[in-house]
Amino acid sequence: MKIVRRLGASPRERGSLNGDTCPDIFELSDGNFAVIGTDRTDALDGELPTDAARADYERIVVISRETLVRAKRDIPDV
């Protein structure tokens, strides 16, 4: 599995000049997506809707709204 491309603007394009805030979204060679974000599992685990579940190896990751909005144009429809 390899990173194929970034979706949306780079952190630098979104104003991160020092590398401290670098949420990012990448498309992988297998068609899946990888997300760099802030681990908020402890804070949000109890907030999940009753029809949502998280495996022990999964984490709840938060990215900024700007990161996702700016990636929208690059997200495939199918």
PDB file of N, CA and C in Angstrom:
ATOM      1  N   MET A   1       0.862  -1.168   0.000  1.00  0.00           N
ATOM      2  CA  MET A   1       0.000   0.000   0.000  1.00  0.00           C
ATOM      3  C   MET A   1       0.907   1.230   0.000  1.00  0.00           C
ATOM      4  N   LYS A   2       0.561   2.195  -0.852  1.00  0.00           N
ATOM      5  CA  LYS A   2       1.340   3.427  -0.959  1.00  0.00           C
ATOM      6  C   LYS A   2       0.408   4.632  -1.026  1.00  0.00           C
ATOM      7  N   ILE A   3       0.923   5.778  -0.655  1.00  0.00           N
ATOM      8  CA  ILE A   3       0.171   7.021  -0.820  1.00  0.00           C
ATOM      9  C   ILE A   3       0.247   7.416  -2.286  1.00  0.00           C
ATOM     10  N   VAL A   4      -0.922   7.627  -2.895  1.00  0.00           N
ATOM     11  CA  VAL A   4      -1.002   7.986  -4.303  1.00  0.00           C
ATOM     12  C   VAL A   4      -1.026   9.502  -4.466  1.00  0.00           C
ATOM     13  N   ARG A   5      -1.839  10.170  -3.640  1.00  0.00           N
ATOM     14  CA  ARG A   5      -1.958  11.622  -3.774  1.00  0.00           C
ATOM     15  C   ARG A   5      -2.577  12.231  -2.533  1.00  0.00           C
ATOM     16  N   ARG A   6      -2.352  13.514  -2.370  1.00  0.00           N
ATOM     17  CA  ARG A   6      -2.996  14.300  -1.316  1.00  0.00           C
ATOM     18  C   ARG A   6      -4.344  14.772  -1.845  1.00  0.00           C
ATOM     19  N   LEU A   7      -5.336  14.821  -0.976  1.00  0.00           N
ATOM     20  CA  LEU A   7      -6.628  15.404  -1.321  1.00  0.00           C
ATOM     21  C   LEU A   7      -6.691  16.788  -0.706  1.00  0.00           C
ATOM     22  N   GLY A   8      -6.939  17.778  -1.524  1.00  0.00           N
ATOM     23  CA  GLY A   8      -7.052  19.141  -1.025  1.00  0.00           C
ATOM     24  C   GLY A   8      -5.714  19.838  -0.917  1.00  0.00           C
ATOM     25  N   ALA A   9      -5.734  20.935  -0.206  1.00  0.00           N
ATOM     26  CA  ALA A   9      -4.558  21.792  -0.054  1.00  0.00           C
ATOM     27  C   ALA A   9      -3.595  21.209   0.978  1.00  0.00           C
ATOM     28  N   SER A  10      -2.324  21.467   0.770  1.00  0.00           N
ATOM     29  CA  SER A  10      -1.312  21.024   1.732  1.00  0.00           C
ATOM     30  C   SER A  10      -1.440  21.850   3.010  1.00  0.00           C
ATOM     31  N   PRO A  11      -0.903  21.344   4.122  1.00  0.00           N
ATOM     32  CA  PRO A  11      -0.933  22.135   5.348  1.00  0.00           C
ATOM     33  C   PRO A  11      -0.313  23.531   5.157  1.00  0.00           C
ATOM     34  N   ARG A  12       0.755  23.624   4.404  1.00  0.00           N
ATOM     35  CA  ARG A  12       1.394  24.922   4.159  1.00  0.00           C
ATOM     36  C   ARG A  12       0.435  25.866   3.432  1.00  0.00           C
ATOM     37  N   GLU A  13      -0.311  25.331   2.450  1.00  0.00           N
ATOM     38  CA  GLU A  13      -1.292  26.150   1.727  1.00  0.00           C
ATOM     39  C   GLU A  13      -2.430  26.605   2.637  1.00  0.00           C
ATOM     40  N   ARG A  14      -2.673  25.835   3.709  1.00  0.00           N
ATOM     41  CA  ARG A  14      -3.722  26.199   4.662  1.00  0.00           C
ATOM     42  C   ARG A  14      -3.183  27.048   5.804  1.00  0.00           C
ATOM     43  N   GLY A  15      -1.916  27.442   5.724  1.00  0.00           N
ATOM     44  CA  GLY A  15      -1.374  28.368   6.707  1.00  0.00           C
ATOM     45  C   GLY A  15      -0.491  27.777   7.783  1.00  0.00           C
ATOM     46  N   SER A  16      -0.197  26.474   7.737  1.00  0.00           N
ATOM     47  CA  SER A  16       0.683  25.875   8.735  1.00  0.00           C
ATOM     48  C   SER A  16       2.130  26.052   8.277  1.00  0.00           C
ATOM     49  N   LEU A  17       2.804  26.982   8.877  1.00  0.00           N
ATOM     50  CA  LEU A  17       4.177  27.272   8.470  1.00  0.00           C
ATOM     51  C   LEU A  17       5.206  26.579   9.343  1.00  0.00           C
ATOM     52  N   ASN A  18       4.796  26.132  10.529  1.00  0.00           N
ATOM     53  CA  ASN A  18       5.766  25.528  11.444  1.00  0.00           C
ATOM     54  C   ASN A  18       5.574  24.026  11.623  1.00  0.00           C
ATOM     55  N   GLY A  19       4.571  23.443  10.973  1.00  0.00           N
ATOM     56  CA  GLY A  19       4.358  22.004  11.073  1.00  0.00           C
ATOM     57  C   GLY A  19       3.594  21.558  12.294  1.00  0.00           C
ATOM     58  N   ASP A  20       3.117  22.493  13.121  1.00  0.00           N
ATOM     59  CA  ASP A  20       2.387  22.117  14.332  1.00  0.00           C
ATOM     60  C   ASP A  20       0.954  21.685  14.048  1.00  0.00           C
ATOM     61  N   THR A  21       0.353  22.224  12.996  1.00  0.00           N
ATOM     62  CA  THR A  21      -1.033  21.869  12.656  1.00  0.00           C
ATOM     63  C   THR A  21      -1.042  21.332  11.240  1.00  0.00           C
ATOM     64  N   CYS A  22      -1.010  20.034  11.136  1.00  0.00           N
ATOM     65  CA  CYS A  22      -0.871  19.446   9.810  1.00  0.00           C
ATOM     66  C   CYS A  22      -1.890  18.356   9.507  1.00  0.00           C
ATOM     67  N   PRO A  23      -3.190  18.578   9.774  1.00  0.00           N
ATOM     68  CA  PRO A  23      -4.140  17.556   9.355  1.00  0.00           C
ATOM     69  C   PRO A  23      -4.041  17.385   7.844  1.00  0.00           C
ATOM     70  N   ASP A  24      -4.232  16.177   7.365  1.00  0.00           N
ATOM     71  CA  ASP A  24      -4.067  15.900   5.945  1.00  0.00           C
ATOM     72  C   ASP A  24      -4.893  14.678   5.565  1.00  0.00           C
ATOM     73  N   ILE A  25      -5.229  14.571   4.281  1.00  0.00           N
ATOM     74  CA  ILE A  25      -5.980  13.433   3.764  1.00  0.00           C
ATOM     75  C   ILE A  25      -5.261  12.930   2.522  1.00  0.00           C
ATOM     76  N   PHE A  26      -5.052  11.614   2.453  1.00  0.00           N
ATOM     77  CA  PHE A  26      -4.352  11.010   1.325  1.00  0.00           C
ATOM     78  C   PHE A  26      -5.158   9.853   0.745  1.00  0.00           C
ATOM     79  N   GLU A  27      -5.105   9.712  -0.569  1.00  0.00           N
ATOM     80  CA  GLU A  27      -5.674   8.534  -1.228  1.00  0.00           C
ATOM     81  C   GLU A  27      -4.569   7.500  -1.320  1.00  0.00           C
ATOM     82  N   LEU A  28      -4.913   6.249  -1.029  1.00  0.00           N
ATOM     83  CA  LEU A  28      -3.955   5.154  -1.047  1.00  0.00           C
ATOM     84  C   LEU A  28      -4.090   4.325  -2.322  1.00  0.00           C
ATOM     85  N   SER A  29      -3.056   3.574  -2.633  1.00  0.00           N
ATOM     86  CA  SER A  29      -3.028   2.778  -3.862  1.00  0.00           C
ATOM     87  C   SER A  29      -4.119   1.715  -3.900  1.00  0.00           C
ATOM     88  N   ASP A  30      -4.641   1.308  -2.734  1.00  0.00           N
ATOM     89  CA  ASP A  30      -5.707   0.307  -2.713  1.00  0.00           C
ATOM     90  C   ASP A  30      -7.105   0.941  -2.766  1.00  0.00           C
ATOM     91  N   GLY A  31      -7.157   2.282  -2.927  1.00  0.00           N
ATOM     92  CA  GLY A  31      -8.442   2.972  -3.019  1.00  0.00           C
ATOM     93  C   GLY A  31      -8.960   3.502  -1.693  1.00  0.00           C
ATOM     94  N   ASN A  32      -8.339   3.123  -0.591  1.00  0.00           N
ATOM     95  CA  ASN A  32      -8.731   3.636   0.719  1.00  0.00           C
ATOM     96  C   ASN A  32      -8.105   5.008   0.951  1.00  0.00           C
ATOM     97  N   PHE A  33      -8.424   5.605   2.081  1.00  0.00           N
ATOM     98  CA  PHE A  33      -7.911   6.923   2.417  1.00  0.00           C
ATOM     99  C   PHE A  33      -7.228   6.880   3.774  1.00  0.00           C
ATOM    100  N   ALA A  34      -6.176   7.661   3.924  1.00  0.00           N
ATOM    101  CA  ALA A  34      -5.477   7.810   5.201  1.00  0.00           C
ATOM    102  C   ALA A  34      -5.649   9.257   5.653  1.00  0.00           C
ATOM    103  N   VAL A  35      -5.840   9.431   6.966  1.00  0.00           N
ATOM    104  CA  VAL A  35      -6.068  10.761   7.522  1.00  0.00           C
ATOM    105  C   VAL A  35      -5.055  11.014   8.639  1.00  0.00           C
ATOM    106  N   ILE A  36      -4.428  12.184   8.596  1.00  0.00           N
ATOM    107  CA  ILE A  36      -3.607  12.647   9.708  1.00  0.00           C
ATOM    108  C   ILE A  36      -4.457  13.657  10.465  1.00  0.00           C
ATOM    109  N   GLY A  37      -4.683  13.404  11.718  1.00  0.00           N
ATOM    110  CA  GLY A  37      -5.498  14.304  12.521  1.00  0.00           C
ATOM    111  C   GLY A  37      -5.155  14.154  13.988  1.00  0.00           C
ATOM    112  N   THR A  38      -5.926  14.796  14.813  1.00  0.00           N
ATOM    113  CA  THR A  38      -5.711  14.759  16.252  1.00  0.00           C
ATOM    114  C   THR A  38      -6.525  13.622  16.853  1.00  0.00           C
ATOM    115  N   ASP A  39      -5.873  12.765  17.601  1.00  0.00           N
ATOM    116  CA  ASP A  39      -6.554  11.645  18.246  1.00  0.00           C
ATOM    117  C   ASP A  39      -7.464  12.185  19.349  1.00  0.00           C
ATOM    118  N   ARG A  40      -8.762  12.036  19.177  1.00  0.00           N
ATOM    119  CA  ARG A  40      -9.748  12.495  20.158  1.00  0.00           C
ATOM    120  C   ARG A  40     -10.625  11.331  20.626  1.00  0.00           C
ATOM    121  N   THR A  41     -10.070  10.126  20.565  1.00  0.00           N
ATOM    122  CA  THR A  41     -10.821   8.930  20.928  1.00  0.00           C
ATOM    123  C   THR A  41     -11.365   9.015  22.351  1.00  0.00           C
ATOM    124  N   ASP A  42     -10.522   9.383  23.288  1.00  0.00           N
ATOM    125  CA  ASP A  42     -10.959   9.426  24.689  1.00  0.00           C
ATOM    126  C   ASP A  42     -12.107  10.408  24.890  1.00  0.00           C
ATOM    127  N   ALA A  43     -12.047  11.547  24.207  1.00  0.00           N
ATOM    128  CA  ALA A  43     -13.069  12.580  24.389  1.00  0.00           C
ATOM    129  C   ALA A  43     -14.369  12.266  23.666  1.00  0.00           C
ATOM    130  N   LEU A  44     -14.292  11.556  22.548  1.00  0.00           N
ATOM    131  CA  LEU A  44     -15.485  11.374  21.715  1.00  0.00           C
ATOM    132  C   LEU A  44     -16.067   9.965  21.732  1.00  0.00           C
ATOM    133  N   ASP A  45     -15.366   9.009  22.276  1.00  0.00           N
ATOM    134  CA  ASP A  45     -15.843   7.619  22.257  1.00  0.00           C
ATOM    135  C   ASP A  45     -17.237   7.495  22.862  1.00  0.00           C
ATOM    136  N   GLY A  46     -17.475   8.140  23.975  1.00  0.00           N
ATOM    137  CA  GLY A  46     -18.780   8.079  24.633  1.00  0.00           C
ATOM    138  C   GLY A  46     -19.855   8.883  23.922  1.00  0.00           C
ATOM    139  N   GLU A  47     -19.471   9.686  22.945  1.00  0.00           N
ATOM    140  CA  GLU A  47     -20.414  10.508  22.188  1.00  0.00           C
ATOM    141  C   GLU A  47     -20.908   9.830  20.917  1.00  0.00           C
ATOM    142  N   LEU A  48     -20.343   8.676  20.590  1.00  0.00           N
ATOM    143  CA  LEU A  48     -20.755   7.989  19.359  1.00  0.00           C
ATOM    144  C   LEU A  48     -22.233   7.620  19.423  1.00  0.00           C
ATOM    145  N   PRO A  49     -22.943   7.721  18.295  1.00  0.00           N
ATOM    146  CA  PRO A  49     -24.345   7.294  18.261  1.00  0.00           C
ATOM    147  C   PRO A  49     -24.451   5.796  18.575  1.00  0.00           C
ATOM    148  N   THR A  50     -25.600   5.361  18.982  1.00  0.00           N
ATOM    149  CA  THR A  50     -25.783   3.953  19.373  1.00  0.00           C
ATOM    150  C   THR A  50     -25.539   2.988  18.220  1.00  0.00           C
ATOM    151  N   ASP A  51     -25.686   3.451  16.982  1.00  0.00           N
ATOM    152  CA  ASP A  51     -25.469   2.556  15.846  1.00  0.00           C
ATOM    153  C   ASP A  51     -24.044   2.653  15.293  1.00  0.00           C
ATOM    154  N   ALA A  52     -23.140   3.277  16.034  1.00  0.00           N
ATOM    155  CA  ALA A  52     -21.733   3.372  15.630  1.00  0.00           C
ATOM    156  C   ALA A  52     -20.885   2.574  16.610  1.00  0.00           C
ATOM    157  N   ALA A  53     -19.804   2.012  16.099  1.00  0.00           N
ATOM    158  CA  ALA A  53     -18.912   1.225  16.947  1.00  0.00           C
ATOM    159  C   ALA A  53     -17.474   1.474  16.521  1.00  0.00           C
ATOM    160  N   ARG A  54     -16.561   1.231  17.439  1.00  0.00           N
ATOM    161  CA  ARG A  54     -15.138   1.403  17.181  1.00  0.00           C
ATOM    162  C   ARG A  54     -14.405   0.191  17.723  1.00  0.00           C
ATOM    163  N   ALA A  55     -13.601  -0.449  16.867  1.00  0.00           N
ATOM    164  CA  ALA A  55     -12.791  -1.581  17.315  1.00  0.00           C
ATOM    165  C   ALA A  55     -11.637  -1.066  18.166  1.00  0.00           C
ATOM    166  N   ASP A  56     -11.041  -1.938  18.964  1.00  0.00           N
ATOM    167  CA  ASP A  56      -9.930  -1.540  19.828  1.00  0.00           C
ATOM    168  C   ASP A  56      -8.764  -0.939  19.045  1.00  0.00           C
ATOM    169  N   TYR A  57      -8.566  -1.382  17.817  1.00  0.00           N
ATOM    170  CA  TYR A  57      -7.455  -0.882  17.007  1.00  0.00           C
ATOM    171  C   TYR A  57      -7.811   0.388  16.222  1.00  0.00           C
ATOM    172  N   GLU A  58      -9.046   0.856  16.320  1.00  0.00           N
ATOM    173  CA  GLU A  58      -9.473   2.065  15.621  1.00  0.00           C
ATOM    174  C   GLU A  58      -9.441   3.266  16.564  1.00  0.00           C
ATOM    175  N   ARG A  59      -9.174   4.431  15.995  1.00  0.00           N
ATOM    176  CA  ARG A  59      -9.120   5.671  16.751  1.00  0.00           C
ATOM    177  C   ARG A  59     -10.077   6.676  16.117  1.00  0.00           C
ATOM    178  N   ILE A  60     -10.616   7.574  16.897  1.00  0.00           N
ATOM    179  CA  ILE A  60     -11.429   8.679  16.388  1.00  0.00           C
ATOM    180  C   ILE A  60     -10.467   9.847  16.176  1.00  0.00           C
ATOM    181  N   VAL A  61     -10.350  10.254  14.926  1.00  0.00           N
ATOM    182  CA  VAL A  61      -9.399  11.295  14.554  1.00  0.00           C
ATOM    183  C   VAL A  61     -10.166  12.518  14.079  1.00  0.00           C
ATOM    184  N   VAL A  62      -9.759  13.682  14.544  1.00  0.00           N
ATOM    185  CA  VAL A  62     -10.410  14.938  14.175  1.00  0.00           C
ATOM    186  C   VAL A  62      -9.497  15.708  13.223  1.00  0.00           C
ATOM    187  N   ILE A  63     -10.091  16.195  12.131  1.00  0.00           N
ATOM    188  CA  ILE A  63      -9.384  17.094  11.219  1.00  0.00           C
ATOM    189  C   ILE A  63     -10.169  18.391  11.160  1.00  0.00           C
ATOM    190  N   SER A  64      -9.521  19.435  10.758  1.00  0.00           N
ATOM    191  CA  SER A  64     -10.214  20.719  10.701  1.00  0.00           C
ATOM    192  C   SER A  64     -11.245  20.730   9.571  1.00  0.00           C
ATOM    193  N   ARG A  65     -12.251  21.547   9.746  1.00  0.00           N
ATOM    194  CA  ARG A  65     -13.275  21.708   8.710  1.00  0.00           C
ATOM    195  C   ARG A  65     -12.620  22.151   7.402  1.00  0.00           C
ATOM    196  N   GLU A  66     -11.672  23.090   7.491  1.00  0.00           N
ATOM    197  CA  GLU A  66     -11.001  23.588   6.290  1.00  0.00           C
ATOM    198  C   GLU A  66     -10.299  22.465   5.530  1.00  0.00           C
ATOM    199  N   THR A  67      -9.681  21.527   6.254  1.00  0.00           N
ATOM    200  CA  THR A  67      -8.998  20.407   5.607  1.00  0.00           C
ATOM    201  C   THR A  67      -9.963  19.602   4.757  1.00  0.00           C
ATOM    202  N   LEU A  68     -11.120  19.266   5.306  1.00  0.00           N
ATOM    203  CA  LEU A  68     -12.081  18.461   4.567  1.00  0.00           C
ATOM    204  C   LEU A  68     -12.755  19.256   3.448  1.00  0.00           C
ATOM    205  N   VAL A  69     -13.130  20.489   3.718  1.00  0.00           N
ATOM    206  CA  VAL A  69     -13.791  21.315   2.702  1.00  0.00           C
ATOM    207  C   VAL A  69     -12.864  21.514   1.505  1.00  0.00           C
ATOM    208  N   ARG A  70     -11.580  21.759   1.768  1.00  0.00           N
ATOM    209  CA  ARG A  70     -10.653  21.982   0.664  1.00  0.00           C
ATOM    210  C   ARG A  70     -10.298  20.693  -0.057  1.00  0.00           C
ATOM    211  N   ALA A  71     -10.559  19.539   0.551  1.00  0.00           N
ATOM    212  CA  ALA A  71     -10.328  18.252  -0.109  1.00  0.00           C
ATOM    213  C   ALA A  71     -11.532  17.818  -0.938  1.00  0.00           C
ATOM    214  N   LYS A  72     -12.672  18.446  -0.731  1.00  0.00           N
ATOM    215  CA  LYS A  72     -13.939  18.029  -1.367  1.00  0.00           C
ATOM    216  C   LYS A  72     -13.795  17.862  -2.877  1.00  0.00           C
ATOM    217  N   ARG A  73     -13.119  18.798  -3.520  1.00  0.00           N
ATOM    218  CA  ARG A  73     -13.006  18.743  -4.983  1.00  0.00           C
ATOM    219  C   ARG A  73     -12.218  17.528  -5.465  1.00  0.00           C
ATOM    220  N   ASP A  74     -11.369  16.980  -4.600  1.00  0.00           N
ATOM    221  CA  ASP A  74     -10.528  15.850  -4.969  1.00  0.00           C
ATOM    222  C   ASP A  74     -11.121  14.497  -4.586  1.00  0.00           C
ATOM    223  N   ILE A  75     -12.216  14.482  -3.845  1.00  0.00           N
ATOM    224  CA  ILE A  75     -12.813  13.220  -3.406  1.00  0.00           C
ATOM    225  C   ILE A  75     -13.660  12.653  -4.549  1.00  0.00           C
ATOM    226  N   PRO A  76     -13.351  11.427  -4.978  1.00  0.00           N
ATOM    227  CA  PRO A  76     -14.088  10.835  -6.097  1.00  0.00           C
ATOM    228  C   PRO A  76     -15.559  10.585  -5.732  1.00  0.00           C
ATOM    229  N   ASP A  77     -16.412  10.622  -6.738  1.00  0.00           N
ATOM    230  CA  ASP A  77     -17.834  10.349  -6.534  1.00  0.00           C
ATOM    231  C   ASP A  77     -18.082   8.864  -6.306  1.00  0.00           C
ATOM    232  N   VAL A  78     -17.250   8.008  -6.840  1.00  0.00           N
ATOM    233  CA  VAL A  78     -17.383   6.556  -6.662  1.00  0.00           C
ATOM    234  C   VAL A  78     -16.064   5.927  -6.347  1.00  0.00           C
TER     235      VAL A  78
END
